[in-house]
Amino acid sequence: MDSRYAQLAEVLCGFSTSLKKGEKVLIDAAEVPEEFVLALIRAARKHQAIPMVNLQRAR
């Protein structure tokens, strides 16, 4: 995995949104690399949030 994905995911889940334990977060990803979506899920879980994912792909 590209380390930049993990870094950006941590910034989004930590500084930008200040996720807290037990909070639900919707990751609505359209045309986003799957590696980045996985990084967001991992970062949300690290903050003990509950990630819910809506992954959309063009045909």
N, C-alpha and C. Protein backbone atom coordinates (compact mmCIF):
# COMPACT_ATOMS: atom_id res chain seq x y z
N MET A 1 0.85 -1.18 0.00
CA MET A 1 0.00 0.00 0.00
C MET A 1 0.89 1.24 0.00
N ASP A 2 0.46 2.23 -0.73
CA ASP A 2 1.17 3.51 -0.79
C ASP A 2 1.06 4.19 0.58
N SER A 3 2.19 4.53 1.18
CA SER A 3 2.18 5.12 2.52
C SER A 3 1.45 6.46 2.54
N ARG A 4 1.33 7.13 1.39
CA ARG A 4 0.62 8.41 1.35
C ARG A 4 -0.87 8.22 1.62
N TYR A 5 -1.42 7.07 1.21
CA TYR A 5 -2.83 6.77 1.51
C TYR A 5 -3.04 6.70 3.02
N ALA A 6 -2.16 5.99 3.70
CA ALA A 6 -2.28 5.85 5.16
C ALA A 6 -2.14 7.20 5.85
N GLN A 7 -1.21 8.01 5.38
CA GLN A 7 -1.01 9.34 5.98
C GLN A 7 -2.23 10.23 5.78
N LEU A 8 -2.77 10.25 4.57
CA LEU A 8 -3.95 11.07 4.30
C LEU A 8 -5.15 10.56 5.08
N ALA A 9 -5.32 9.25 5.15
CA ALA A 9 -6.44 8.68 5.91
C ALA A 9 -6.35 9.07 7.38
N GLU A 10 -5.15 9.07 7.93
CA GLU A 10 -4.97 9.45 9.33
C GLU A 10 -5.32 10.93 9.54
N VAL A 11 -4.92 11.78 8.61
CA VAL A 11 -5.26 13.21 8.71
C VAL A 11 -6.77 13.39 8.65
N LEU A 12 -7.43 12.68 7.73
CA LEU A 12 -8.88 12.82 7.58
C LEU A 12 -9.63 12.31 8.81
N CYS A 13 -9.20 11.19 9.36
CA CYS A 13 -9.91 10.60 10.50
C CYS A 13 -9.52 11.25 11.83
N GLY A 14 -8.32 11.79 11.89
CA GLY A 14 -7.85 12.40 13.13
C GLY A 14 -8.11 13.89 13.17
N PHE A 15 -7.30 14.64 12.46
CA PHE A 15 -7.36 16.10 12.51
C PHE A 15 -8.62 16.68 11.88
N SER A 16 -8.96 16.23 10.68
CA SER A 16 -10.06 16.85 9.93
C SER A 16 -11.44 16.56 10.51
N THR A 17 -11.66 15.33 10.97
CA THR A 17 -13.00 14.96 11.46
C THR A 17 -13.03 14.65 12.95
N SER A 18 -11.89 14.47 13.57
CA SER A 18 -11.80 14.14 15.00
C SER A 18 -12.73 12.98 15.38
N LEU A 19 -12.62 11.88 14.65
CA LEU A 19 -13.46 10.72 14.95
C LEU A 19 -13.24 10.26 16.38
N LYS A 20 -14.33 9.84 16.99
CA LYS A 20 -14.27 9.36 18.37
C LYS A 20 -14.79 7.93 18.45
N LYS A 21 -14.50 7.30 19.56
CA LYS A 21 -14.92 5.92 19.80
C LYS A 21 -16.43 5.78 19.64
N GLY A 22 -16.83 4.79 18.84
CA GLY A 22 -18.24 4.49 18.66
C GLY A 22 -18.95 5.32 17.61
N GLU A 23 -18.31 6.35 17.08
CA GLU A 23 -18.95 7.16 16.03
C GLU A 23 -19.03 6.35 14.74
N LYS A 24 -20.13 6.53 14.03
CA LYS A 24 -20.28 5.90 12.72
C LYS A 24 -19.82 6.88 11.67
N VAL A 25 -19.08 6.37 10.69
CA VAL A 25 -18.59 7.22 9.61
C VAL A 25 -18.89 6.52 8.28
N LEU A 26 -19.50 7.27 7.36
CA LEU A 26 -19.80 6.74 6.04
C LEU A 26 -18.67 7.12 5.10
N ILE A 27 -18.08 6.12 4.50
CA ILE A 27 -17.05 6.33 3.48
C ILE A 27 -17.74 6.08 2.15
N ASP A 28 -18.09 7.15 1.47
CA ASP A 28 -18.80 7.08 0.19
C ASP A 28 -17.77 7.30 -0.91
N ALA A 29 -17.29 6.23 -1.50
CA ALA A 29 -16.17 6.29 -2.43
C ALA A 29 -16.61 5.98 -3.85
N ALA A 30 -16.43 6.94 -4.73
CA ALA A 30 -16.73 6.76 -6.15
C ALA A 30 -15.44 7.00 -6.94
N GLU A 31 -15.01 5.99 -7.65
CA GLU A 31 -13.79 6.10 -8.46
C GLU A 31 -12.57 6.47 -7.63
N VAL A 32 -12.47 5.85 -6.46
CA VAL A 32 -11.33 6.04 -5.56
C VAL A 32 -10.58 4.71 -5.50
N PRO A 33 -9.25 4.72 -5.51
CA PRO A 33 -8.52 3.45 -5.43
C PRO A 33 -8.91 2.64 -4.18
N GLU A 34 -9.08 1.34 -4.37
CA GLU A 34 -9.47 0.48 -3.25
C GLU A 34 -8.46 0.54 -2.11
N GLU A 35 -7.18 0.72 -2.44
CA GLU A 35 -6.16 0.82 -1.40
C GLU A 35 -6.43 2.01 -0.48
N PHE A 36 -6.91 3.11 -1.05
CA PHE A 36 -7.20 4.28 -0.22
C PHE A 36 -8.43 4.04 0.65
N VAL A 37 -9.43 3.37 0.10
CA VAL A 37 -10.62 3.04 0.89
C VAL A 37 -10.22 2.15 2.07
N LEU A 38 -9.35 1.17 1.83
CA LEU A 38 -8.87 0.31 2.91
C LEU A 38 -8.11 1.12 3.96
N ALA A 39 -7.31 2.07 3.52
CA ALA A 39 -6.58 2.93 4.46
C ALA A 39 -7.54 3.74 5.31
N LEU A 40 -8.63 4.23 4.71
CA LEU A 40 -9.64 4.98 5.47
C LEU A 40 -10.33 4.09 6.50
N ILE A 41 -10.65 2.87 6.11
CA ILE A 41 -11.28 1.92 7.04
C ILE A 41 -10.35 1.65 8.21
N ARG A 42 -9.09 1.39 7.93
CA ARG A 42 -8.12 1.10 8.99
C ARG A 42 -7.94 2.30 9.93
N ALA A 43 -7.87 3.49 9.36
CA ALA A 43 -7.71 4.69 10.19
C ALA A 43 -8.94 4.92 11.05
N ALA A 44 -10.13 4.70 10.50
CA ALA A 44 -11.36 4.87 11.28
C ALA A 44 -11.39 3.87 12.43
N ARG A 45 -11.01 2.63 12.16
CA ARG A 45 -10.98 1.61 13.22
C ARG A 45 -9.93 1.94 14.27
N LYS A 46 -8.81 2.51 13.84
CA LYS A 46 -7.76 2.91 14.78
C LYS A 46 -8.31 3.93 15.78
N HIS A 47 -9.22 4.77 15.32
CA HIS A 47 -9.86 5.76 16.19
C HIS A 47 -11.10 5.19 16.87
N GLN A 48 -11.30 3.89 16.74
CA GLN A 48 -12.41 3.15 17.33
C GLN A 48 -13.77 3.63 16.84
N ALA A 49 -13.78 4.14 15.62
CA ALA A 49 -15.04 4.51 14.97
C ALA A 49 -15.57 3.30 14.21
N ILE A 50 -16.79 3.42 13.73
CA ILE A 50 -17.44 2.33 13.00
C ILE A 50 -17.58 2.75 11.54
N PRO A 51 -16.70 2.25 10.67
CA PRO A 51 -16.77 2.64 9.26
C PRO A 51 -17.84 1.86 8.50
N MET A 52 -18.61 2.58 7.69
CA MET A 52 -19.58 1.97 6.78
C MET A 52 -19.18 2.44 5.39
N VAL A 53 -19.13 1.52 4.44
CA VAL A 53 -18.56 1.84 3.13
C VAL A 53 -19.60 1.68 2.03
N ASN A 54 -19.65 2.68 1.17
CA ASN A 54 -20.44 2.63 -0.05
C ASN A 54 -19.44 2.81 -1.19
N LEU A 55 -19.10 1.71 -1.86
CA LEU A 55 -18.09 1.74 -2.92
C LEU A 55 -18.79 1.68 -4.27
N GLN A 56 -18.56 2.69 -5.09
CA GLN A 56 -19.20 2.77 -6.41
C GLN A 56 -18.14 2.70 -7.50
N ARG A 57 -18.42 1.90 -8.51
CA ARG A 57 -17.51 1.74 -9.64
C ARG A 57 -18.24 2.02 -10.94
N ALA A 58 -17.57 2.69 -11.86
CA ALA A 58 -18.14 2.89 -13.19
C ALA A 58 -18.03 1.59 -13.97
N ARG A 59 -18.95 1.37 -14.86
CA ARG A 59 -18.92 0.12 -15.63
C ARG A 59 -18.07 0.23 -16.84
